[in-house]
Amino acid sequence: MIELLFNNDNRCIGYSKIPHSTTNDYEIRQVSESELNKLIPDGFDAESWKEVRRHYKLNGEDDIIFDEDYEPKK
């Protein structure tokens, strides 16, 4: 299990393999790496969730979803 860290915009900003204490700066969700890999759409150019971790976000029900349309800031 890992912990994904989400900012106030519900966008994944990082992860941790050790338990994090909760703060007001971000939300924490525990999830397995295999669950995250399953969320990557077929045909998307990534072999691992780590490559596309910023594409993960929380939807309105606090479920982790994959945002195919996300474009990282340059």
Protein backbone atom coordinates (compact mmCIF):
# COMPACT_ATOMS: atom_id res chain seq x y z
CA MET A 1 0.00 0.00 0.00
CA ILE A 2 1.06 3.55 -0.72
CA GLU A 3 -0.40 6.88 0.21
CA LEU A 4 -1.29 9.33 -2.54
CA LEU A 5 -1.28 12.99 -1.55
CA PHE A 6 -3.88 15.30 -3.12
CA ASN A 7 -3.87 19.11 -3.04
CA ASN A 8 -6.88 21.39 -2.57
CA ASP A 9 -7.71 21.03 -6.29
CA ASN A 10 -8.01 17.24 -5.78
CA ARG A 11 -4.94 16.65 -7.97
CA CYS A 12 -2.29 14.11 -6.97
CA ILE A 13 0.83 15.96 -5.87
CA GLY A 14 2.92 13.06 -4.64
CA TYR A 15 3.06 9.76 -2.83
CA SER A 16 4.61 8.10 0.18
CA LYS A 17 5.35 4.51 1.08
CA ILE A 18 5.41 5.32 4.78
CA PRO A 19 2.41 6.62 6.77
CA HIS A 20 1.88 10.37 6.63
CA SER A 21 0.19 12.44 9.26
CA THR A 22 -2.89 14.29 8.04
CA THR A 23 -2.63 18.04 7.56
CA ASN A 24 -4.91 20.71 6.18
CA ASP A 25 -2.60 21.12 3.18
CA TYR A 26 -3.58 17.89 1.43
CA GLU A 27 -5.80 14.81 1.46
CA ILE A 28 -4.32 11.33 1.85
CA ARG A 29 -5.69 8.16 0.25
CA GLN A 30 -4.27 4.68 0.76
CA VAL A 31 -4.24 2.57 -2.38
CA SER A 32 -2.29 -0.32 -3.86
CA GLU A 33 0.05 0.18 -6.78
CA SER A 34 -1.82 -2.47 -8.78
CA GLU A 35 -5.11 -0.56 -8.31
CA LEU A 36 -3.46 2.58 -9.70
CA ASN A 37 -2.01 0.66 -12.66
CA LYS A 38 -5.50 -0.67 -13.48
CA LEU A 39 -6.80 2.92 -13.77
CA ILE A 40 -4.37 3.74 -16.62
CA PRO A 41 -6.41 3.53 -19.85
CA ASP A 42 -5.41 1.06 -22.56
CA GLY A 43 -3.26 2.74 -25.16
CA PHE A 44 -2.00 5.41 -22.76
CA ASP A 45 1.79 5.70 -23.01
CA ALA A 46 2.79 4.57 -19.51
CA GLU A 47 4.01 1.35 -17.96
CA SER A 48 3.61 2.34 -14.33
CA TRP A 49 1.46 4.62 -12.20
CA LYS A 50 4.61 6.48 -11.13
CA GLU A 51 5.12 7.79 -14.66
CA VAL A 52 1.66 9.38 -14.70
CA ARG A 53 0.97 10.05 -11.03
CA ARG A 54 -0.11 13.65 -11.67
CA HIS A 55 -2.96 12.33 -13.84
CA TYR A 56 -4.69 10.94 -10.75
CA LYS A 57 -7.28 13.05 -9.01
CA LEU A 58 -10.22 12.72 -6.65
CA ASN A 59 -13.69 12.99 -8.13
CA GLY A 60 -16.70 14.42 -6.32
CA GLU A 61 -17.21 11.22 -4.32
CA ASP A 62 -13.54 11.11 -3.25
CA ASP A 63 -12.80 8.19 -5.58
CA ILE A 64 -9.41 8.15 -7.30
CA ILE A 65 -9.81 8.53 -11.05
CA PHE A 66 -7.43 8.92 -14.00
CA ASP A 67 -7.60 12.24 -15.89
CA GLU A 68 -6.51 11.50 -19.47
CA ASP A 69 -6.82 15.17 -20.46
CA TYR A 70 -4.38 16.45 -17.82
CA GLU A 71 -1.39 18.29 -19.26
CA PRO A 72 1.50 19.02 -16.88
CA LYS A 73 2.61 22.62 -16.55
CA LYS A 74 5.93 23.27 -18.26
